[in-house]
mmCIF file of all heavy atoms, coordinates in Angstrom:
data_MODEL
# 
_entry.id   MODEL 
# 
loop_
_atom_site.group_PDB 
_atom_site.id 
_atom_site.type_symbol 
_atom_site.label_atom_id 
_atom_site.label_alt_id 
_atom_site.label_comp_id 
_atom_site.label_asym_id 
_atom_site.label_entity_id 
_atom_site.label_seq_id 
_atom_site.pdbx_PDB_ins_code 
_atom_site.Cartn_x 
_atom_site.Cartn_y 
_atom_site.Cartn_z 
_atom_site.occupancy 
_atom_site.B_iso_or_equiv 
_atom_site.pdbx_formal_charge 
_atom_site.auth_seq_id 
_atom_site.auth_comp_id 
_atom_site.auth_asym_id 
_atom_site.auth_atom_id 
_atom_site.pdbx_PDB_model_num 
ATOM 1   N N   . ALA A 1 1  ? 4.831   3.682  0.346   1.00 0.00 ? 1  ALA A N   1 
ATOM 2   C CA  . ALA A 1 1  ? 5.284   2.462  -0.321  1.00 0.00 ? 1  ALA A CA  1 
ATOM 3   C C   . ALA A 1 1  ? 6.734   2.164  0.025   1.00 0.00 ? 1  ALA A C   1 
ATOM 4   O O   . ALA A 1 1  ? 7.543   3.072  0.224   1.00 0.00 ? 1  ALA A O   1 
ATOM 5   C CB  . ALA A 1 1  ? 5.130   2.596  -1.832  1.00 0.00 ? 1  ALA A CB  1 
ATOM 6   N N   . SER A 1 2  ? 7.066   0.885  0.068   1.00 0.00 ? 2  SER A N   1 
ATOM 7   C CA  . SER A 1 2  ? 8.442   0.445  0.253   1.00 0.00 ? 2  SER A CA  1 
ATOM 8   C C   . SER A 1 2  ? 8.645   -0.861 -0.506  1.00 0.00 ? 2  SER A C   1 
ATOM 9   O O   . SER A 1 2  ? 7.693   -1.577 -0.806  1.00 0.00 ? 2  SER A O   1 
ATOM 10  C CB  . SER A 1 2  ? 8.781   0.264  1.737   1.00 0.00 ? 2  SER A CB  1 
ATOM 11  O OG  . SER A 1 2  ? 7.959   -0.737 2.327   1.00 0.00 ? 2  SER A OG  1 
ATOM 12  N N   . GLY A 1 3  ? 9.907   -1.162 -0.830  1.00 0.00 ? 3  GLY A N   1 
ATOM 13  C CA  . GLY A 1 3  ? 10.220  -2.409 -1.505  1.00 0.00 ? 3  GLY A CA  1 
ATOM 14  C C   . GLY A 1 3  ? 9.993   -2.405 -3.003  1.00 0.00 ? 3  GLY A C   1 
ATOM 15  O O   . GLY A 1 3  ? 10.010  -3.476 -3.626  1.00 0.00 ? 3  GLY A O   1 
ATOM 16  N N   . LEU A 1 4  ? 9.785   -1.238 -3.600  1.00 0.00 ? 4  LEU A N   1 
ATOM 17  C CA  . LEU A 1 4  ? 9.606   -1.138 -5.037  1.00 0.00 ? 4  LEU A CA  1 
ATOM 18  C C   . LEU A 1 4  ? 10.205  0.164  -5.557  1.00 0.00 ? 4  LEU A C   1 
ATOM 19  O O   . LEU A 1 4  ? 10.407  1.107  -4.795  1.00 0.00 ? 4  LEU A O   1 
ATOM 20  C CB  . LEU A 1 4  ? 8.132   -1.264 -5.429  1.00 0.00 ? 4  LEU A CB  1 
ATOM 21  C CG  . LEU A 1 4  ? 7.100   -0.361 -4.754  1.00 0.00 ? 4  LEU A CG  1 
ATOM 22  C CD1 . LEU A 1 4  ? 7.167   1.063  -5.305  1.00 0.00 ? 4  LEU A CD1 1 
ATOM 23  C CD2 . LEU A 1 4  ? 5.701   -0.915 -4.940  1.00 0.00 ? 4  LEU A CD2 1 
ATOM 24  N N   . ALA A 1 5  ? 10.473  0.179  -6.866  1.00 0.00 ? 5  ALA A N   1 
ATOM 25  C CA  . ALA A 1 5  ? 10.917  1.407  -7.524  1.00 0.00 ? 5  ALA A CA  1 
ATOM 26  C C   . ALA A 1 5  ? 9.678   2.252  -7.780  1.00 0.00 ? 5  ALA A C   1 
ATOM 27  O O   . ALA A 1 5  ? 9.035   2.147  -8.824  1.00 0.00 ? 5  ALA A O   1 
ATOM 28  C CB  . ALA A 1 5  ? 11.657  1.079  -8.812  1.00 0.00 ? 5  ALA A CB  1 
ATOM 29  N N   . PHE A 1 6  ? 9.343   3.090  -6.823  1.00 0.00 ? 6  PHE A N   1 
ATOM 30  C CA  . PHE A 1 6  ? 8.055   3.764  -6.786  1.00 0.00 ? 6  PHE A CA  1 
ATOM 31  C C   . PHE A 1 6  ? 7.727   4.514  -8.071  1.00 0.00 ? 6  PHE A C   1 
ATOM 32  O O   . PHE A 1 6  ? 6.584   4.476  -8.546  1.00 0.00 ? 6  PHE A O   1 
ATOM 33  C CB  . PHE A 1 6  ? 8.016   4.713  -5.585  1.00 0.00 ? 6  PHE A CB  1 
ATOM 34  C CG  . PHE A 1 6  ? 6.696   5.388  -5.380  1.00 0.00 ? 6  PHE A CG  1 
ATOM 35  C CD1 . PHE A 1 6  ? 5.630   4.696  -4.835  1.00 0.00 ? 6  PHE A CD1 1 
ATOM 36  C CD2 . PHE A 1 6  ? 6.522   6.721  -5.727  1.00 0.00 ? 6  PHE A CD2 1 
ATOM 37  C CE1 . PHE A 1 6  ? 4.408   5.317  -4.635  1.00 0.00 ? 6  PHE A CE1 1 
ATOM 38  C CE2 . PHE A 1 6  ? 5.310   7.348  -5.527  1.00 0.00 ? 6  PHE A CE2 1 
ATOM 39  C CZ  . PHE A 1 6  ? 4.251   6.649  -4.983  1.00 0.00 ? 6  PHE A CZ  1 
ATOM 40  N N   . SER A 1 7  ? 8.704   5.204  -8.640  1.00 0.00 ? 7  SER A N   1 
ATOM 41  C CA  . SER A 1 7  ? 8.442   6.026  -9.816  1.00 0.00 ? 7  SER A CA  1 
ATOM 42  C C   . SER A 1 7  ? 8.073   5.206  -11.051 1.00 0.00 ? 7  SER A C   1 
ATOM 43  O O   . SER A 1 7  ? 7.557   5.768  -12.019 1.00 0.00 ? 7  SER A O   1 
ATOM 44  C CB  . SER A 1 7  ? 9.648   6.913  -10.127 1.00 0.00 ? 7  SER A CB  1 
ATOM 45  O OG  . SER A 1 7  ? 10.792  6.131  -10.429 1.00 0.00 ? 7  SER A OG  1 
ATOM 46  N N   . ASN A 1 8  ? 8.300   3.907  -11.045 1.00 0.00 ? 8  ASN A N   1 
ATOM 47  C CA  . ASN A 1 8  ? 7.957   3.040  -12.166 1.00 0.00 ? 8  ASN A CA  1 
ATOM 48  C C   . ASN A 1 8  ? 6.575   2.413  -12.040 1.00 0.00 ? 8  ASN A C   1 
ATOM 49  O O   . ASN A 1 8  ? 6.190   1.614  -12.894 1.00 0.00 ? 8  ASN A O   1 
ATOM 50  C CB  . ASN A 1 8  ? 8.991   1.925  -12.320 1.00 0.00 ? 8  ASN A CB  1 
ATOM 51  C CG  . ASN A 1 8  ? 10.341  2.440  -12.775 1.00 0.00 ? 8  ASN A CG  1 
ATOM 52  O OD1 . ASN A 1 8  ? 10.423  3.468  -13.442 1.00 0.00 ? 8  ASN A OD1 1 
ATOM 53  N ND2 . ASN A 1 8  ? 11.394  1.727  -12.425 1.00 0.00 ? 8  ASN A ND2 1 
ATOM 54  N N   . TYR A 1 9  ? 5.838   2.763  -10.998 1.00 0.00 ? 9  TYR A N   1 
ATOM 55  C CA  . TYR A 1 9  ? 4.542   2.151  -10.734 1.00 0.00 ? 9  TYR A CA  1 
ATOM 56  C C   . TYR A 1 9  ? 3.409   3.156  -10.847 1.00 0.00 ? 9  TYR A C   1 
ATOM 57  O O   . TYR A 1 9  ? 3.501   4.284  -10.361 1.00 0.00 ? 9  TYR A O   1 
ATOM 58  C CB  . TYR A 1 9  ? 4.512   1.533  -9.333  1.00 0.00 ? 9  TYR A CB  1 
ATOM 59  C CG  . TYR A 1 9  ? 5.225   0.208  -9.248  1.00 0.00 ? 9  TYR A CG  1 
ATOM 60  C CD1 . TYR A 1 9  ? 6.608   0.138  -9.216  1.00 0.00 ? 9  TYR A CD1 1 
ATOM 61  C CD2 . TYR A 1 9  ? 4.499   -0.981 -9.203  1.00 0.00 ? 9  TYR A CD2 1 
ATOM 62  C CE1 . TYR A 1 9  ? 7.264   -1.081 -9.157  1.00 0.00 ? 9  TYR A CE1 1 
ATOM 63  C CE2 . TYR A 1 9  ? 5.140   -2.205 -9.131  1.00 0.00 ? 9  TYR A CE2 1 
ATOM 64  C CZ  . TYR A 1 9  ? 6.524   -2.242 -9.111  1.00 0.00 ? 9  TYR A CZ  1 
ATOM 65  O OH  . TYR A 1 9  ? 7.171   -3.456 -9.035  1.00 0.00 ? 9  TYR A OH  1 
ATOM 66  N N   . ASP A 1 10 ? 2.327   2.720  -11.519 1.00 0.00 ? 10 ASP A N   1 
ATOM 67  C CA  . ASP A 1 10 ? 1.064   3.427  -11.418 1.00 0.00 ? 10 ASP A CA  1 
ATOM 68  C C   . ASP A 1 10 ? 0.493   3.182  -10.029 1.00 0.00 ? 10 ASP A C   1 
ATOM 69  O O   . ASP A 1 10 ? 0.626   2.089  -9.478  1.00 0.00 ? 10 ASP A O   1 
ATOM 70  C CB  . ASP A 1 10 ? 0.062   2.921  -12.453 1.00 0.00 ? 10 ASP A CB  1 
ATOM 71  C CG  . ASP A 1 10 ? 0.594   2.985  -13.858 1.00 0.00 ? 10 ASP A CG  1 
ATOM 72  O OD1 . ASP A 1 10 ? 1.316   3.935  -14.197 1.00 0.00 ? 10 ASP A OD1 1 
ATOM 73  O OD2 . ASP A 1 10 ? 0.262   2.068  -14.649 1.00 0.00 ? 10 ASP A OD2 1 
ATOM 74  N N   . MET A 1 11 ? -0.167  4.189  -9.466  1.00 0.00 ? 11 MET A N   1 
ATOM 75  C CA  . MET A 1 11 ? -0.761  4.062  -8.143  1.00 0.00 ? 11 MET A CA  1 
ATOM 76  C C   . MET A 1 11 ? -2.251  4.370  -8.213  1.00 0.00 ? 11 MET A C   1 
ATOM 77  O O   . MET A 1 11 ? -2.670  5.290  -8.922  1.00 0.00 ? 11 MET A O   1 
ATOM 78  C CB  . MET A 1 11 ? -0.091  5.008  -7.150  1.00 0.00 ? 11 MET A CB  1 
ATOM 79  C CG  . MET A 1 11 ? 1.407   4.782  -6.975  1.00 0.00 ? 11 MET A CG  1 
ATOM 80  S SD  . MET A 1 11 ? 1.810   3.139  -6.295  1.00 0.00 ? 11 MET A SD  1 
ATOM 81  C CE  . MET A 1 11 ? 0.998   3.229  -4.693  1.00 0.00 ? 11 MET A CE  1 
ATOM 82  N N   . GLY A 1 12 ? -3.037  3.600  -7.477  1.00 0.00 ? 12 GLY A N   1 
ATOM 83  C CA  . GLY A 1 12 ? -4.474  3.777  -7.488  1.00 0.00 ? 12 GLY A CA  1 
ATOM 84  C C   . GLY A 1 12 ? -5.078  3.751  -6.105  1.00 0.00 ? 12 GLY A C   1 
ATOM 85  O O   . GLY A 1 12 ? -4.471  3.249  -5.149  1.00 0.00 ? 12 GLY A O   1 
ATOM 86  N N   . TRP A 1 13 ? -6.279  4.305  -5.998  1.00 0.00 ? 13 TRP A N   1 
ATOM 87  C CA  . TRP A 1 13 ? -7.084  4.252  -4.783  1.00 0.00 ? 13 TRP A CA  1 
ATOM 88  C C   . TRP A 1 13 ? -8.416  3.579  -5.095  1.00 0.00 ? 13 TRP A C   1 
ATOM 89  O O   . TRP A 1 13 ? -9.061  3.899  -6.108  1.00 0.00 ? 13 TRP A O   1 
ATOM 90  C CB  . TRP A 1 13 ? -7.353  5.642  -4.217  1.00 0.00 ? 13 TRP A CB  1 
ATOM 91  C CG  . TRP A 1 13 ? -6.188  6.267  -3.516  1.00 0.00 ? 13 TRP A CG  1 
ATOM 92  C CD1 . TRP A 1 13 ? -5.311  7.165  -4.023  1.00 0.00 ? 13 TRP A CD1 1 
ATOM 93  C CD2 . TRP A 1 13 ? -5.800  6.037  -2.160  1.00 0.00 ? 13 TRP A CD2 1 
ATOM 94  N NE1 . TRP A 1 13 ? -4.389  7.517  -3.070  1.00 0.00 ? 13 TRP A NE1 1 
ATOM 95  C CE2 . TRP A 1 13 ? -4.662  6.835  -1.917  1.00 0.00 ? 13 TRP A CE2 1 
ATOM 96  C CE3 . TRP A 1 13 ? -6.296  5.237  -1.133  1.00 0.00 ? 13 TRP A CE3 1 
ATOM 97  C CZ2 . TRP A 1 13 ? -4.015  6.864  -0.682  1.00 0.00 ? 13 TRP A CZ2 1 
ATOM 98  C CZ3 . TRP A 1 13 ? -5.659  5.250  0.095   1.00 0.00 ? 13 TRP A CZ3 1 
ATOM 99  C CH2 . TRP A 1 13 ? -4.526  6.060  0.308   1.00 0.00 ? 13 TRP A CH2 1 
ATOM 100 N N   . PHE A 1 14 ? -8.815  2.664  -4.229  1.00 0.00 ? 14 PHE A N   1 
ATOM 101 C CA  . PHE A 1 14 ? -10.093 1.972  -4.309  1.00 0.00 ? 14 PHE A CA  1 
ATOM 102 C C   . PHE A 1 14 ? -10.772 2.036  -2.949  1.00 0.00 ? 14 PHE A C   1 
ATOM 103 O O   . PHE A 1 14 ? -10.132 2.320  -1.937  1.00 0.00 ? 14 PHE A O   1 
ATOM 104 C CB  . PHE A 1 14 ? -9.902  0.504  -4.707  1.00 0.00 ? 14 PHE A CB  1 
ATOM 105 C CG  . PHE A 1 14 ? -9.391  0.290  -6.108  1.00 0.00 ? 14 PHE A CG  1 
ATOM 106 C CD1 . PHE A 1 14 ? -8.077  0.558  -6.439  1.00 0.00 ? 14 PHE A CD1 1 
ATOM 107 C CD2 . PHE A 1 14 ? -10.241 -0.204 -7.088  1.00 0.00 ? 14 PHE A CD2 1 
ATOM 108 C CE1 . PHE A 1 14 ? -7.600  0.349  -7.722  1.00 0.00 ? 14 PHE A CE1 1 
ATOM 109 C CE2 . PHE A 1 14 ? -9.779  -0.424 -8.380  1.00 0.00 ? 14 PHE A CE2 1 
ATOM 110 C CZ  . PHE A 1 14 ? -8.464  -0.144 -8.693  1.00 0.00 ? 14 PHE A CZ  1 
ATOM 111 N N   . ARG A 1 15 ? -12.071 1.750  -2.915  1.00 0.00 ? 15 ARG A N   1 
ATOM 112 C CA  . ARG A 1 15 ? -12.762 1.638  -1.638  1.00 0.00 ? 15 ARG A CA  1 
ATOM 113 C C   . ARG A 1 15 ? -13.774 0.495  -1.703  1.00 0.00 ? 15 ARG A C   1 
ATOM 114 O O   . ARG A 1 15 ? -14.232 0.105  -2.774  1.00 0.00 ? 15 ARG A O   1 
ATOM 115 C CB  . ARG A 1 15 ? -13.471 2.937  -1.256  1.00 0.00 ? 15 ARG A CB  1 
ATOM 116 C CG  . ARG A 1 15 ? -14.742 3.229  -2.052  1.00 0.00 ? 15 ARG A CG  1 
ATOM 117 C CD  . ARG A 1 15 ? -15.329 4.570  -1.659  1.00 0.00 ? 15 ARG A CD  1 
ATOM 118 N NE  . ARG A 1 15 ? -16.510 4.887  -2.441  1.00 0.00 ? 15 ARG A NE  1 
ATOM 119 C CZ  . ARG A 1 15 ? -17.029 6.100  -2.554  1.00 0.00 ? 15 ARG A CZ  1 
ATOM 120 N NH1 . ARG A 1 15 ? -16.468 7.126  -1.927  1.00 0.00 ? 15 ARG A NH1 1 
ATOM 121 N NH2 . ARG A 1 15 ? -18.124 6.289  -3.295  1.00 0.00 ? 15 ARG A NH2 1 
ATOM 122 N N   . GLN A 1 16 ? -14.124 -0.012 -0.530  1.00 0.00 ? 16 GLN A N   1 
ATOM 123 C CA  . GLN A 1 16 ? -15.068 -1.105 -0.436  1.00 0.00 ? 16 GLN A CA  1 
ATOM 124 C C   . GLN A 1 16 ? -15.971 -0.914 0.776   1.00 0.00 ? 16 GLN A C   1 
ATOM 125 O O   . GLN A 1 16 ? -15.489 -0.761 1.891   1.00 0.00 ? 16 GLN A O   1 
ATOM 126 C CB  . GLN A 1 16 ? -14.342 -2.446 -0.334  1.00 0.00 ? 16 GLN A CB  1 
ATOM 127 C CG  . GLN A 1 16 ? -15.259 -3.649 -0.417  1.00 0.00 ? 16 GLN A CG  1 
ATOM 128 C CD  . GLN A 1 16 ? -14.486 -4.934 -0.610  1.00 0.00 ? 16 GLN A CD  1 
ATOM 129 O OE1 . GLN A 1 16 ? -13.303 -5.032 -0.283  1.00 0.00 ? 16 GLN A OE1 1 
ATOM 130 N NE2 . GLN A 1 16 ? -15.151 -5.943 -1.157  1.00 0.00 ? 16 GLN A NE2 1 
ATOM 131 N N   . ALA A 1 17 ? -17.264 -0.901 0.525   1.00 0.00 ? 17 ALA A N   1 
ATOM 132 C CA  . ALA A 1 17 ? -18.262 -0.847 1.579   1.00 0.00 ? 17 ALA A CA  1 
ATOM 133 C C   . ALA A 1 17 ? -18.791 -2.253 1.835   1.00 0.00 ? 17 ALA A C   1 
ATOM 134 O O   . ALA A 1 17 ? -18.737 -3.115 0.950   1.00 0.00 ? 17 ALA A O   1 
ATOM 135 C CB  . ALA A 1 17 ? -19.402 0.086  1.195   1.00 0.00 ? 17 ALA A CB  1 
ATOM 136 N N   . PRO A 1 18 ? -19.323 -2.526 3.034   1.00 0.00 ? 18 PRO A N   1 
ATOM 137 C CA  . PRO A 1 18 ? -19.852 -3.856 3.329   1.00 0.00 ? 18 PRO A CA  1 
ATOM 138 C C   . PRO A 1 18 ? -20.897 -4.297 2.306   1.00 0.00 ? 18 PRO A C   1 
ATOM 139 O O   . PRO A 1 18 ? -21.818 -3.546 1.987   1.00 0.00 ? 18 PRO A O   1 
ATOM 140 C CB  . PRO A 1 18 ? -20.467 -3.693 4.720   1.00 0.00 ? 18 PRO A CB  1 
ATOM 141 C CG  . PRO A 1 18 ? -19.683 -2.583 5.342   1.00 0.00 ? 18 PRO A CG  1 
ATOM 142 C CD  . PRO A 1 18 ? -19.393 -1.635 4.201   1.00 0.00 ? 18 PRO A CD  1 
ATOM 143 N N   . GLY A 1 19 ? -20.731 -5.505 1.785   1.00 0.00 ? 19 GLY A N   1 
ATOM 144 C CA  . GLY A 1 19 ? -21.669 -6.044 0.821   1.00 0.00 ? 19 GLY A CA  1 
ATOM 145 C C   . GLY A 1 19 ? -21.517 -5.529 -0.590  1.00 0.00 ? 19 GLY A C   1 
ATOM 146 O O   . GLY A 1 19 ? -22.327 -5.877 -1.456  1.00 0.00 ? 19 GLY A O   1 
ATOM 147 N N   . LYS A 1 20 ? -20.503 -4.710 -0.843  1.00 0.00 ? 20 LYS A N   1 
ATOM 148 C CA  . LYS A 1 20 ? -20.295 -4.150 -2.168  1.00 0.00 ? 20 LYS A CA  1 
ATOM 149 C C   . LYS A 1 20 ? -18.937 -4.554 -2.726  1.00 0.00 ? 20 LYS A C   1 
ATOM 150 O O   . LYS A 1 20 ? -18.046 -4.966 -1.993  1.00 0.00 ? 20 LYS A O   1 
ATOM 151 C CB  . LYS A 1 20 ? -20.403 -2.624 -2.129  1.00 0.00 ? 20 LYS A CB  1 
ATOM 152 C CG  . LYS A 1 20 ? -21.787 -2.095 -1.775  1.00 0.00 ? 20 LYS A CG  1 
ATOM 153 C CD  . LYS A 1 20 ? -21.833 -0.582 -1.881  1.00 0.00 ? 20 LYS A CD  1 
ATOM 154 C CE  . LYS A 1 20 ? -23.217 -0.050 -1.595  1.00 0.00 ? 20 LYS A CE  1 
ATOM 155 N NZ  . LYS A 1 20 ? -23.263 1.437  -1.710  1.00 0.00 ? 20 LYS A NZ  1 
ATOM 156 N N   . GLU A 1 21 ? -18.805 -4.429 -4.045  1.00 0.00 ? 21 GLU A N   1 
ATOM 157 C CA  . GLU A 1 21 ? -17.535 -4.686 -4.703  1.00 0.00 ? 21 GLU A CA  1 
ATOM 158 C C   . GLU A 1 21 ? -16.545 -3.572 -4.393  1.00 0.00 ? 21 GLU A C   1 
ATOM 159 O O   . GLU A 1 21 ? -16.929 -2.430 -4.127  1.00 0.00 ? 21 GLU A O   1 
ATOM 160 C CB  . GLU A 1 21 ? -17.735 -4.792 -6.216  1.00 0.00 ? 21 GLU A CB  1 
ATOM 161 C CG  . GLU A 1 21 ? -18.596 -5.949 -6.676  1.00 0.00 ? 21 GLU A CG  1 
ATOM 162 C CD  . GLU A 1 21 ? -17.871 -7.265 -6.603  1.00 0.00 ? 21 GLU A CD  1 
ATOM 163 O OE1 . GLU A 1 21 ? -16.630 -7.265 -6.763  1.00 0.00 ? 21 GLU A OE1 1 
ATOM 164 O OE2 . GLU A 1 21 ? -18.522 -8.292 -6.387  1.00 0.00 ? 21 GLU A OE2 1 
ATOM 165 N N   . ARG A 1 22 ? -15.269 -3.926 -4.420  1.00 0.00 ? 22 ARG A N   1 
ATOM 166 C CA  . ARG A 1 22 ? -14.237 -2.916 -4.300  1.00 0.00 ? 22 ARG A CA  1 
ATOM 167 C C   . ARG A 1 22 ? -14.238 -2.073 -5.578  1.00 0.00 ? 22 ARG A C   1 
ATOM 168 O O   . ARG A 1 22 ? -14.080 -2.600 -6.680  1.00 0.00 ? 22 ARG A O   1 
ATOM 169 C CB  . ARG A 1 22 ? -12.873 -3.568 -4.085  1.00 0.00 ? 22 ARG A CB  1 
ATOM 170 C CG  . ARG A 1 22 ? -11.765 -2.599 -3.734  1.00 0.00 ? 22 ARG A CG  1 
ATOM 171 C CD  . ARG A 1 22 ? -10.481 -3.326 -3.362  1.00 0.00 ? 22 ARG A CD  1 
ATOM 172 N NE  . ARG A 1 22 ? -10.654 -4.191 -2.210  1.00 0.00 ? 22 ARG A NE  1 
ATOM 173 C CZ  . ARG A 1 22 ? -9.667  -4.852 -1.619  1.00 0.00 ? 22 ARG A CZ  1 
ATOM 174 N NH1 . ARG A 1 22 ? -8.425  -4.729 -2.075  1.00 0.00 ? 22 ARG A NH1 1 
ATOM 175 N NH2 . ARG A 1 22 ? -9.923  -5.623 -0.588  1.00 0.00 ? 22 ARG A NH2 1 
ATOM 176 N N   . GLU A 1 23 ? -14.418 -0.764 -5.442  1.00 0.00 ? 23 GLU A N   1 
ATOM 177 C CA  . GLU A 1 23 ? -14.613 0.092  -6.592  1.00 0.00 ? 23 GLU A CA  1 
ATOM 178 C C   . GLU A 1 23 ? -13.465 1.078  -6.785  1.00 0.00 ? 23 GLU A C   1 
ATOM 179 O O   . GLU A 1 23 ? -12.880 1.572  -5.821  1.00 0.00 ? 23 GLU A O   1 
ATOM 180 C CB  . GLU A 1 23 ? -15.944 0.854  -6.485  1.00 0.00 ? 23 GLU A CB  1 
ATOM 181 C CG  . GLU A 1 23 ? -16.057 1.768  -5.283  1.00 0.00 ? 23 GLU A CG  1 
ATOM 182 C CD  . GLU A 1 23 ? -17.426 2.418  -5.172  1.00 0.00 ? 23 GLU A CD  1 
ATOM 183 O OE1 . GLU A 1 23 ? -18.241 2.287  -6.096  1.00 0.00 ? 23 GLU A OE1 1 
ATOM 184 O OE2 . GLU A 1 23 ? -17.686 3.072  -4.135  1.00 0.00 ? 23 GLU A OE2 1 
ATOM 185 N N   . PHE A 1 24 ? -13.185 1.366  -8.040  1.00 0.00 ? 24 PHE A N   1 
ATOM 186 C CA  . PHE A 1 24 ? -12.125 2.287  -8.408  1.00 0.00 ? 24 PHE A CA  1 
ATOM 187 C C   . PHE A 1 24 ? -12.498 3.716  -8.052  1.00 0.00 ? 24 PHE A C   1 
ATOM 188 O O   . PHE A 1 24 ? -13.635 4.147  -8.272  1.00 0.00 ? 24 PHE A O   1 
ATOM 189 C CB  . PHE A 1 24 ? -11.856 2.190  -9.911  1.00 0.00 ? 24 PHE A CB  1 
ATOM 190 C CG  . PHE A 1 24 ? -10.962 3.266  -10.440 1.00 0.00 ? 24 PHE A CG  1 
ATOM 191 C CD1 . PHE A 1 24 ? -9.590  3.199  -10.256 1.00 0.00 ? 24 PHE A CD1 1 
ATOM 192 C CD2 . PHE A 1 24 ? -11.489 4.345  -11.121 1.00 0.00 ? 24 PHE A CD2 1 
ATOM 193 C CE1 . PHE A 1 24 ? -8.757  4.191  -10.745 1.00 0.00 ? 24 PHE A CE1 1 
ATOM 194 C CE2 . PHE A 1 24 ? -10.671 5.343  -11.616 1.00 0.00 ? 24 PHE A CE2 1 
ATOM 195 C CZ  . PHE A 1 24 ? -9.304  5.264  -11.420 1.00 0.00 ? 24 PHE A CZ  1 
ATOM 196 N N   . LEU A 1 25 ? -11.529 4.460  -7.533  1.00 0.00 ? 25 LEU A N   1 
ATOM 197 C CA  . LEU A 1 25 ? -11.726 5.866  -7.205  1.00 0.00 ? 25 LEU A CA  1 
ATOM 198 C C   . LEU A 1 25 ? -10.854 6.783  -8.059  1.00 0.00 ? 25 LEU A C   1 
ATOM 199 O O   . LEU A 1 25 ? -11.356 7.731  -8.677  1.00 0.00 ? 25 LEU A O   1 
ATOM 200 C CB  . LEU A 1 25 ? -11.415 6.125  -5.734  1.00 0.00 ? 25 LEU A CB  1 
ATOM 201 C CG  . LEU A 1 25 ? -12.269 5.389  -4.712  1.00 0.00 ? 25 LEU A CG  1 
ATOM 202 C CD1 . LEU A 1 25 ? -11.737 5.660  -3.313  1.00 0.00 ? 25 LEU A CD1 1 
ATOM 203 C CD2 . LEU A 1 25 ? -13.724 5.801  -4.836  1.00 0.00 ? 25 LEU A CD2 1 
ATOM 204 N N   . ALA A 1 26 ? -9.551  6.535  -8.051  1.00 0.00 ? 26 ALA A N   1 
ATOM 205 C CA  . ALA A 1 26 ? -8.618  7.428  -8.718  1.00 0.00 ? 26 ALA A CA  1 
ATOM 206 C C   . ALA A 1 26 ? -7.310  6.702  -8.967  1.00 0.00 ? 26 ALA A C   1 
ATOM 207 O O   . ALA A 1 26 ? -6.965  5.760  -8.260  1.00 0.00 ? 26 ALA A O   1 
ATOM 208 C CB  . ALA A 1 26 ? -8.368  8.686  -7.881  1.00 0.00 ? 26 ALA A CB  1 
ATOM 209 N N   . ALA A 1 27 ? -6.564  7.149  -9.976  1.00 0.00 ? 27 ALA A N   1 
ATOM 210 C CA  . ALA A 1 27 ? -5.256  6.588  -10.270 1.00 0.00 ? 27 ALA A CA  1 
ATOM 211 C C   . ALA A 1 27 ? -4.348  7.672  -10.820 1.00 0.00 ? 27 ALA A C   1 
ATOM 212 O O   . ALA A 1 27 ? -4.815  8.646  -11.421 1.00 0.00 ? 27 ALA A O   1 
ATOM 213 C CB  . ALA A 1 27 ? -5.361  5.438  -11.266 1.00 0.00 ? 27 ALA A CB  1 
ATOM 214 N N   . ILE A 1 28 ? -3.052  7.485  -10.611 1.00 0.00 ? 28 ILE A N   1 
ATOM 215 C CA  . ILE A 1 28 ? -2.057  8.401  -11.149 1.00 0.00 ? 28 ILE A CA  1 
ATOM 216 C C   . ILE A 1 28 ? -0.931  7.573  -11.758 1.00 0.00 ? 28 ILE A C   1 
ATOM 217 O O   . ILE A 1 28 ? -0.394  6.671  -11.127 1.00 0.00 ? 28 ILE A O   1 
ATOM 218 C CB  . ILE A 1 28 ? -1.551  9.381  -10.067 1.00 0.00 ? 28 ILE A CB  1 
ATOM 219 C CG1 . ILE A 1 28 ? -0.593  10.408 -10.677 1.00 0.00 ? 28 ILE A CG1 1 
ATOM 220 C CG2 . ILE A 1 28 ? -0.904  8.642  -8.899  1.00 0.00 ? 28 ILE A CG2 1 
ATOM 221 C CD1 . ILE A 1 28 ? -0.356  11.602 -9.759  1.00 0.00 ? 28 ILE A CD1 1 
ATOM 222 N N   . LYS A 1 29 ? -0.604  7.871  -13.004 1.00 0.00 ? 29 LYS A N   1 
ATOM 223 C CA  . LYS A 1 29 ? 0.442   7.145  -13.717 1.00 0.00 ? 29 LYS A CA  1 
ATOM 224 C C   . LYS A 1 29 ? 1.817   7.576  -13.247 1.00 0.00 ? 29 LYS A C   1 
ATOM 225 O O   . LYS A 1 29 ? 1.953   8.496  -12.433 1.00 0.00 ? 29 LYS A O   1 
ATOM 226 C CB  . LYS A 1 29 ? 0.299   7.380  -15.219 1.00 0.00 ? 29 LYS A CB  1 
ATOM 227 C CG  . LYS A 1 29 ? -1.019  6.908  -15.820 1.00 0.00 ? 29 LYS A CG  1 
ATOM 228 C CD  . LYS A 1 29 ? -1.061  5.399  -15.956 1.00 0.00 ? 29 LYS A CD  1 
ATOM 229 C CE  . LYS A 1 29 ? -0.183  4.927  -17.095 1.00 0.00 ? 29 LYS A CE  1 
ATOM 230 N NZ  . LYS A 1 29 ? -0.261  3.453  -17.285 1.00 0.00 ? 29 LYS A NZ  1 
# 
């Protein structure tokens, strides 16, 4: 990440397969 105060942001991972919705995988506060 760049351009933000990283420690003040929650971060998440998502994935998307063809024809499917982008789905939540994991997050860290």
